[in-house]
Protein backbone atom coordinates (compact mmCIF):
# COMPACT_ATOMS: atom_id res chain seq x y z
CA ILE A 1 -12.88 18.78 80.26
CA GLU A 2 -11.20 20.06 83.45
CA GLY A 3 -8.54 21.75 81.34
CA VAL A 4 -7.70 18.61 79.32
CA TYR A 5 -8.29 18.13 75.59
CA TYR A 6 -9.53 14.60 74.84
CA LEU A 7 -8.43 13.29 71.44
CA SER A 8 -9.03 9.61 72.21
CA GLU A 9 -11.67 7.64 74.06
CA LYS A 10 -10.96 7.41 77.75
CA GLN A 11 -9.52 4.08 78.93
CA GLN A 12 -8.89 3.00 82.50
CA ASN A 13 -7.31 -0.44 82.25
CA PHE A 14 -3.72 0.82 82.65
CA GLU A 15 -4.46 4.03 84.52
CA SER A 16 -6.06 2.20 87.43
CA ILE A 17 -3.16 -0.16 88.18
CA TYR A 18 -0.58 2.53 87.42
CA LEU A 19 -2.03 4.94 89.98
CA LYS A 20 -2.22 2.21 92.63
CA VAL A 21 1.44 1.43 92.09
CA ARG A 22 2.39 5.12 92.17
CA GLU A 23 0.53 5.56 95.42
CA LYS A 24 2.30 2.59 96.99
CA GLU A 25 5.63 4.04 95.83
CA ASN A 26 4.75 7.38 97.47
CA ARG A 27 4.62 9.11 94.08
CA VAL A 28 1.05 10.40 94.09
CA TYR A 29 1.34 14.02 95.15
CA SER A 30 -1.04 16.63 96.47
CA ASP A 31 -1.51 19.78 94.39
CA THR A 32 0.73 21.68 96.79
CA GLU A 33 3.46 19.06 96.56
CA LEU A 34 3.26 18.92 92.77
CA SER A 35 3.66 22.69 92.51
CA GLN A 36 7.06 22.41 94.24
CA ILE A 37 8.55 19.76 91.95
CA PRO A 38 11.38 19.39 91.00
CA PHE A 39 12.94 21.77 93.55
CA VAL A 40 11.89 20.03 96.72
CA ASN A 41 13.38 19.87 100.21
CA GLU A 42 14.99 16.89 101.89
CA TYR A 43 11.71 15.89 103.58
CA PHE A 44 9.91 15.43 100.27
CA PRO A 45 9.02 11.84 99.29
CA ASN A 46 11.73 10.25 97.10
CA TYR A 47 13.96 13.29 97.63
CA GLU A 48 17.15 11.69 96.28
CA GLU A 49 15.36 10.66 93.10
CA TRP A 50 14.21 14.24 92.60
CA LEU A 51 17.79 15.45 92.86
CA LEU A 52 18.54 13.31 89.80
CA ARG A 53 15.46 14.53 87.96
CA GLN A 54 16.45 18.13 88.73
CA GLU A 55 19.77 17.56 87.05
CA SER A 56 18.36 16.05 83.85
CA ALA A 57 15.60 18.69 83.72
CA LYS A 58 18.16 21.50 83.91
CA ARG A 59 20.27 19.80 81.25
CA PHE A 60 17.34 19.58 78.82
CA LEU A 61 16.22 23.13 79.60
CA ASP A 62 19.70 24.42 78.76
CA TYR A 63 19.38 22.64 75.41
CA ILE A 64 16.08 24.28 74.44
CA LEU A 65 16.58 27.61 76.21
CA GLY A 66 17.54 29.54 73.09
CA LEU A 67 14.67 28.19 70.99
CA LYS A 68 11.78 30.40 69.86
CA ASN A 69 8.42 29.64 68.27
CA GLN A 70 8.93 25.90 68.58
CA MET A 71 6.22 23.28 69.05
CA VAL A 72 7.31 20.86 71.77
CA LEU A 73 5.50 17.63 72.64
CA GLU A 74 6.11 15.45 75.70
CA VAL A 75 4.86 11.89 75.24
CA GLY A 76 3.89 10.41 78.60
CA CYS A 77 3.89 13.68 80.53
CA GLY A 78 2.15 12.29 83.64
CA ASN A 79 1.42 15.05 86.15
CA GLY A 80 3.19 17.58 83.93
CA TRP A 81 5.90 18.88 86.26
CA LEU A 82 8.66 18.71 83.64
CA LEU A 83 6.65 20.34 80.88
CA ASN A 84 5.67 23.15 83.25
CA TYR A 85 9.30 23.65 84.26
CA LEU A 86 10.31 23.97 80.60
CA ALA A 87 7.40 26.23 79.65
CA THR A 88 8.06 28.51 82.61
CA ASN A 89 11.70 28.98 81.72
CA ALA A 90 11.49 28.90 77.92
CA PRO A 91 8.21 30.77 77.37
CA ASN A 92 8.71 31.67 73.70
CA ASN A 93 7.53 28.21 72.64
CA THR A 94 4.37 26.11 72.76
CA PHE A 95 4.34 22.98 74.93
CA ILE A 96 1.89 20.09 74.71
CA GLY A 97 1.74 17.30 77.26
CA LEU A 98 0.27 13.99 76.09
CA ASP A 99 -0.75 11.10 78.30
CA MET A 100 -3.48 8.51 78.85
CA ASN A 101 -3.77 9.14 82.57
CA ALA A 102 -6.76 11.44 82.96
CA LEU A 103 -6.37 12.07 86.69
CA GLU A 104 -2.75 13.21 86.39
CA LEU A 105 -3.55 15.37 83.35
CA GLU A 106 -6.43 17.02 85.20
CA GLN A 107 -4.13 17.68 88.14
CA ALA A 108 -1.53 19.19 85.80
CA ALA A 109 -4.15 21.50 84.29
CA ARG A 110 -5.30 22.46 87.78
CA VAL A 111 -1.88 23.13 89.26
CA PHE A 112 0.03 24.64 86.35
CA SER A 113 -1.41 27.78 84.84
CA ASN A 114 0.57 28.80 81.78
CA GLN A 115 -0.65 30.19 78.46
CA HIS A 116 2.05 28.23 76.62
CA LEU A 117 0.92 24.86 78.04
CA TYR A 118 -1.72 22.46 76.74
CA TRP A 119 -2.72 19.10 78.20
CA VAL A 120 -3.96 16.34 75.89
CA TYR A 121 -5.41 12.91 76.58
CA GLY A 122 -4.73 10.69 73.62
CA ASP A 123 -3.21 7.55 72.17
CA ILE A 124 0.03 8.40 70.37
CA TYR A 125 -0.51 5.41 68.05
CA LYS A 126 -3.70 6.97 66.69
CA SER A 127 -3.69 9.85 64.21
CA ILE A 128 -4.48 12.49 66.82
CA PHE A 129 -1.98 15.06 65.51
CA PRO A 130 -1.30 16.09 61.90
CA PRO A 131 2.03 15.02 60.40
CA LYS A 132 4.92 17.49 60.74
CA SER A 133 3.39 19.24 63.75
CA PHE A 134 6.34 19.42 66.14
CA HIS A 135 9.92 20.63 66.22
CA ILE A 136 10.82 18.59 69.31
CA ILE A 137 9.23 15.49 70.79
CA TYR A 138 10.66 14.08 73.99
CA ILE A 139 10.00 11.09 76.21
CA ALA A 140 11.21 11.35 79.79
CA SER A 141 11.04 8.43 82.20
CA SER A 142 8.28 6.65 80.29
CA ILE A 143 9.63 4.51 77.41
CA GLN A 144 9.28 1.51 79.72
CA TYR A 145 5.49 1.74 79.36
CA PHE A 146 5.64 1.24 75.58
CA VAL A 147 5.85 -2.30 74.23
CA ASN A 148 7.89 -1.63 71.10
CA LEU A 149 10.28 1.31 71.07
CA ASN A 150 10.90 1.19 67.31
CA ASP A 151 7.17 1.35 66.61
CA LEU A 152 6.92 4.35 68.92
CA ILE A 153 9.82 6.14 67.25
CA ASP A 154 8.38 5.41 63.79
CA LYS A 155 5.04 6.85 64.84
CA ILE A 156 6.32 10.04 66.41
CA SER A 157 8.84 10.59 63.59
CA ILE A 158 5.85 11.22 61.32
CA LEU A 159 4.86 14.08 63.62
CA LEU A 160 8.22 15.86 63.31
CA LYS A 161 8.84 18.87 61.16
CA PRO A 162 11.89 18.74 58.83
CA LYS A 163 15.04 18.51 60.98
CA GLY A 164 12.86 17.87 63.99
CA GLU A 165 14.26 16.00 66.96
CA ILE A 166 13.28 13.17 69.28
CA HIS A 167 14.83 13.10 72.74
CA ILE A 168 14.75 10.21 75.20
CA PHE A 169 16.07 10.55 78.73
CA ASP A 170 15.52 9.46 82.34
CA SER A 171 14.89 5.88 81.23
CA PRO A 172 17.12 2.79 81.28
CA PHE A 173 18.57 1.03 78.26
CA TYR A 174 20.06 -2.43 78.64
CA LYS A 175 22.66 -4.47 76.88
CA THR A 176 21.04 -7.49 75.23
CA GLU A 177 22.59 -9.88 77.73
CA GLN A 178 21.25 -7.79 80.64
CA LYS A 179 17.61 -7.79 79.57
CA GLU A 180 16.44 -11.09 81.12
CA GLU A 181 18.01 -10.29 84.47
CA ALA A 182 16.36 -6.86 84.41
CA LYS A 183 12.99 -8.46 83.69
CA LEU A 184 13.42 -10.76 86.68
CA ARG A 185 14.21 -7.78 88.92
CA THR A 186 11.10 -6.00 87.69
CA THR A 187 8.92 -9.06 88.34
CA GLN A 188 10.33 -9.38 91.83
CA TYR A 189 9.87 -5.68 92.55
CA TYR A 190 6.21 -5.50 91.54
CA THR A 191 5.42 -8.83 93.21
CA GLU A 192 6.91 -7.64 96.50
CA LEU A 193 5.08 -4.33 96.08
CA GLY A 194 1.82 -6.26 95.83
CA PHE A 195 1.05 -5.60 92.16
CA PRO A 196 2.49 -8.46 90.09
CA GLU A 197 0.09 -7.60 87.25
CA MET A 198 2.06 -4.38 86.66
CA THR A 199 4.91 -6.47 85.25
CA LYS A 200 3.12 -6.90 81.92
CA HIS A 201 2.96 -3.12 81.52
CA TYR A 202 6.68 -2.55 82.12
CA HIS A 203 9.02 -3.18 79.17
CA HIS A 204 12.79 -3.38 78.90
CA HIS A 205 14.46 -1.81 75.86
CA THR A 206 17.97 -2.57 74.69
CA TRP A 207 20.54 -0.52 72.80
CA GLU A 208 19.97 -2.97 69.97
CA THR A 209 16.50 -1.52 69.41
CA LEU A 210 17.99 1.86 68.52
CA LYS A 211 20.20 0.56 65.73
CA LYS A 212 17.70 1.23 62.96
CA ASN A 213 17.78 4.94 63.82
CA GLU A 214 20.59 7.45 63.59
CA TYR A 215 21.10 8.68 67.10
CA ARG A 216 23.54 10.59 69.28
CA ILE A 217 24.17 10.22 72.99
CA LEU A 218 24.12 13.73 74.44
CA TYR A 219 24.69 12.56 77.99
CA LYS A 220 26.31 9.32 79.05
CA PRO A 221 26.49 8.37 82.73
CA THR A 222 29.94 7.41 83.91
CA LYS A 223 30.89 4.93 86.59
CA TRP A 224 33.42 7.16 88.29
CA LYS A 225 30.65 9.53 89.39
CA LYS A 226 28.96 6.61 91.10
CA TRP A 227 32.21 5.58 92.78
CA LEU A 228 32.65 9.12 94.11
CA ASN A 229 29.05 9.13 95.34
CA ILE A 230 28.16 12.10 93.16
CA SER A 231 24.46 12.44 92.42
CA HIS A 232 24.18 12.29 88.65
CA SER A 233 21.51 10.71 86.50
CA PRO A 234 22.26 7.04 85.78
CA PHE A 235 20.32 7.21 82.52
CA PRO A 236 21.51 8.33 79.06
CA TRP A 237 20.11 11.19 77.02
CA ILE A 238 19.53 10.14 73.42
CA GLN A 239 18.81 12.39 70.43
CA ILE A 240 17.27 11.15 67.17
CA ILE A 241 17.06 13.60 64.26
CA SER A 242 14.49 13.16 61.50
């Protein structure tokens, strides 16, 4: 439907509030604006944030650039800009974007025309894909919308081929003692934004939650870059190998 494959029943309870928040944050883009992301000019909404996303996108592209005939899944792809960027520059692979936001998926299908790209509406916790389907599964800027990170990793690990990889980036991880303060900041932010109900959909994950998995940190932000006012992503890039 409208370029999107539906593998789960459509739900609107989260999508509705999420889109209202995104609109208030100036993150709902026209088709023309979306087609420009991530390489936008200084007049683009949230320009400084996009500079950071450009950097992490290039870093991940460099990682997968030499791959061929790989199945790549993005969990929580949203409007699909990152998946399109990867598929455009690493075209010898197949890319699938998964989300439960129908409007953004339909926009992605409308804006990005690429034979290596597929857009899927579905619940990752359901058996919508066969086991051992993907070489790489990544989650960019969306782990905060999942209640239990270990449950998510367990679920998507089943979908990995032997020696497959999970990548997590563009999302915060907290030390255990930082979590409560972070939750208070989130509550304050969404309350001031006018959507306090969004707080229950935003979750804070700690480094402790990763301990049951073998993982590597492929990018670690450093404080000296912040002191020098250099624009670098403040979020780590984590790799988990099946």
